[in-house]
Protein backbone atom coordinates (compact mmCIF):
# COMPACT_ATOMS: atom_id res chain seq x y z
CA MET A 1 83.55 138.14 138.99
CA GLU A 2 83.70 140.86 142.12
CA ILE A 3 87.59 141.08 142.17
CA GLY A 4 87.43 143.68 145.08
CA PRO A 5 86.90 141.25 147.53
CA LYS A 6 89.38 139.29 146.16
CA LEU A 7 92.28 141.60 146.36
CA ARG A 8 91.57 142.14 150.08
CA GLU A 9 91.42 138.13 150.39
CA LEU A 10 95.06 138.43 149.32
CA ARG A 11 96.17 141.51 150.61
CA ILE A 12 95.14 140.25 153.81
CA ALA A 13 96.84 136.73 153.87
CA LYS A 14 100.06 138.77 152.58
CA ASN A 15 99.62 140.96 155.92
CA LEU A 16 99.84 144.16 154.23
CA THR A 17 97.68 147.11 155.48
CA GLN A 18 95.73 149.06 152.65
CA GLU A 19 97.80 151.79 152.87
CA GLU A 20 101.54 149.21 152.65
CA LEU A 21 100.13 147.95 149.32
CA ALA A 22 99.18 151.53 148.06
CA ASP A 23 102.72 152.34 148.56
CA ARG A 24 103.93 149.68 147.18
CA ALA A 25 102.20 150.34 144.06
CA GLU A 26 102.46 153.57 144.06
CA LEU A 27 98.90 154.46 144.61
CA SER A 28 96.49 156.17 147.09
CA LYS A 29 94.89 153.99 150.13
CA GLY A 30 91.34 155.42 149.37
CA PHE A 31 91.93 154.10 145.67
CA ILE A 32 92.89 150.40 147.38
CA SER A 33 90.02 151.02 149.72
CA GLN A 34 87.40 151.69 146.70
CA LEU A 35 88.64 148.41 144.82
CA GLU A 36 88.43 146.34 147.89
CA ARG A 37 84.98 147.64 147.98
CA ASP A 38 84.12 147.05 144.25
CA LEU A 39 83.53 150.77 143.90
CA THR A 40 85.78 151.36 140.94
CA SER A 41 87.91 149.42 138.84
CA PRO A 42 91.45 149.68 137.62
CA SER A 43 92.98 149.66 134.46
CA ILE A 44 95.09 146.55 133.37
CA ALA A 45 98.09 148.19 133.98
CA THR A 46 97.38 149.14 137.18
CA LEU A 47 95.72 145.53 138.21
CA VAL A 48 98.86 143.58 137.19
CA ASP A 49 100.88 146.07 139.27
CA ILE A 50 98.91 145.38 142.46
CA LEU A 51 98.83 142.05 141.99
CA GLN A 52 102.60 141.35 141.13
CA CYS A 53 102.89 143.49 144.74
CA LEU A 54 100.78 140.68 146.18
CA GLY A 55 102.92 138.26 144.59
CA THR A 56 100.68 136.76 141.66
CA THR A 57 99.91 137.06 138.32
CA ILE A 58 96.59 138.14 136.37
CA ASN A 59 96.79 134.30 135.23
CA GLU A 60 96.64 133.04 138.67
CA PHE A 61 94.31 135.90 140.12
CA PHE A 62 91.52 135.22 137.24
CA SER A 63 91.92 131.55 137.56
CA GLU A 64 88.97 129.39 138.98
CA ASP A 65 89.84 126.55 141.44
CA PRO A 66 88.01 123.56 140.10
CA GLU A 67 85.71 122.81 143.18
CA GLU A 68 86.92 119.79 145.23
CA GLN A 69 84.28 117.20 145.91
CA VAL A 70 83.92 116.78 149.31
CA VAL A 71 81.13 114.72 150.02
CA PHE A 72 80.53 111.03 148.18
CA HIS A 73 76.98 109.58 147.93
CA TYR A 74 76.14 105.98 147.06
CA GLU A 75 75.59 106.89 143.45
CA ASP A 76 79.30 107.94 143.27
CA TYR A 77 80.27 104.57 144.56
CA PHE A 78 81.73 101.49 142.30
CA GLU A 79 81.74 98.20 142.88
CA LYS A 80 82.68 94.95 142.39
CA GLU A 81 81.72 91.60 143.17
CA ASP A 82 83.94 88.20 142.90
CA THR A 83 82.46 85.26 142.85
CA GLU A 84 85.18 83.21 142.91
CA LEU A 85 86.39 84.70 146.90
CA LEU A 86 82.80 85.16 147.82
CA ASN A 87 83.60 89.15 148.23
CA LYS A 88 82.11 92.41 146.94
CA THR A 89 84.24 95.74 147.15
CA GLU A 90 83.20 99.33 147.10
CA TRP A 91 85.55 101.80 145.95
CA ILE A 92 83.16 104.45 148.31
CA ILE A 93 85.91 107.43 146.82
CA PRO A 94 85.81 107.34 143.17
CA ASN A 95 89.22 107.71 141.61
CA ALA A 96 90.96 107.78 145.15
CA GLN A 97 94.07 106.09 143.59
CA LYS A 98 95.53 109.65 142.40
CA ASN A 99 95.01 110.31 146.21
CA MET A 100 97.11 109.42 149.27
CA MET A 101 94.94 106.70 150.37
CA GLU A 102 92.43 104.72 148.99
CA PRO A 103 89.28 103.42 151.21
CA ILE A 104 86.74 100.99 150.45
CA ARG A 105 84.03 99.18 152.01
CA LEU A 106 84.14 95.04 151.39
CA THR A 107 81.62 92.40 152.29
CA LEU A 108 83.04 89.23 152.75
CA LYS A 109 79.99 86.29 152.09
CA PRO A 110 80.29 83.46 154.55
CA GLY A 111 84.15 82.29 153.78
CA GLY A 112 84.70 84.61 151.55
CA SER A 113 88.54 86.08 151.18
CA THR A 114 90.10 88.47 149.76
CA TYR A 115 92.65 87.73 147.16
CA ARG A 116 96.44 87.21 148.43
CA ASP A 117 98.52 90.58 148.29
CA VAL A 118 101.52 90.49 147.94
CA PRO A 119 104.45 92.70 149.89
CA HIS A 120 104.13 96.17 149.41
CA GLU A 121 105.08 99.48 150.73
CA GLY A 122 102.99 101.55 152.85
CA GLU A 123 100.01 101.09 155.56
CA GLU A 124 96.67 99.45 155.77
CA PHE A 125 93.84 99.92 158.23
CA GLY A 126 90.69 98.72 158.82
CA TYR A 127 87.59 99.02 161.04
CA VAL A 128 84.90 96.06 161.13
CA LEU A 129 81.64 97.15 160.65
CA LYS A 130 79.98 93.74 160.71
CA GLY A 131 81.14 90.05 161.63
CA THR A 132 84.27 88.78 162.20
CA VAL A 133 87.49 88.74 159.81
CA LYS A 134 90.47 86.82 160.21
CA ILE A 135 93.85 88.72 159.20
CA HIS A 136 96.53 86.75 157.59
CA ILE A 137 100.10 88.49 157.54
CA GLY A 138 102.34 85.83 156.68
CA LYS A 139 102.42 83.13 158.96
CA LYS A 140 100.60 85.14 161.70
CA VAL A 141 96.77 85.24 161.99
CA TYR A 142 94.74 87.94 163.63
CA THR A 143 91.62 88.45 164.15
CA ALA A 144 88.88 91.34 164.84
CA LYS A 145 85.47 91.23 165.37
CA LYS A 146 82.70 94.39 165.12
CA GLY A 147 83.44 97.39 166.46
CA GLU A 148 87.62 96.31 166.52
CA SER A 149 89.85 97.52 163.70
CA PHE A 150 93.05 96.56 162.69
CA TYR A 151 96.57 98.57 161.41
CA PHE A 152 99.58 97.14 159.35
CA THR A 153 102.21 97.45 157.55
CA PRO A 154 102.46 95.30 154.72
CA HIS A 155 106.05 93.66 154.36
CA SER A 156 104.20 90.30 153.73
CA GLU A 157 102.13 88.42 152.20
CA HIS A 158 98.41 89.19 153.80
CA TYR A 159 94.84 88.79 153.01
CA ILE A 160 91.50 88.56 154.74
CA GLU A 161 88.79 86.25 155.31
CA ALA A 162 85.25 85.67 157.14
CA PRO A 163 84.56 82.41 159.10
CA ASN A 164 82.53 79.58 156.94
CA SER A 165 79.55 80.63 159.67
CA THR A 166 79.29 84.56 159.00
CA GLY A 167 79.98 86.68 156.92
CA ALA A 168 81.67 90.19 157.60
CA THR A 169 81.50 94.07 156.30
CA ILE A 170 84.87 96.06 156.99
CA ILE A 171 85.69 99.72 156.07
CA TRP A 172 89.71 99.25 154.71
CA VAL A 173 92.15 102.30 153.72
CA SER A 174 95.38 101.24 152.12
CA THR A 175 97.79 103.97 151.53
CA PRO A 176 99.10 104.09 148.93
CA PRO A 177 96.20 103.22 146.92
CA SER A 178 96.57 99.71 146.03
CA PHE A 179 92.80 98.07 146.32
């Protein structure tokens, strides 16, 4: 591991010049410059002093943050088909229930629907990719077609259905996760 660039990044994040860091750590500016360019290596004691001046510990400095997955592919998806309700749910972000929102792709066959969900905290958003859906919220029914979106607070029983004549595909996002 090259510690120089990482030290430089920390120093800049703390808005310190090389001279200011050197003064705080009781070292020379030249030594800090050589460290940042990986031209010299500090002793453990010196590195601990520098890191303390930068507001971190040796454990934090050397810990590697796990790489966060940003792009998800088809093979990452998990899907479940419900033959009774005539729908297929695809979790397009795996393990999203640990996140603040949970997006799914929902495909409804003609006459298909979701289960009736009880009122809960959070918000729901959907975008119709194909077909038409009816969004049932309490006693009200709303219609959204391809290219339209919907957004509501799930304070009443709610579910989505596709007309008997056509199916539909939507992206549906719930926060907090509830699918």
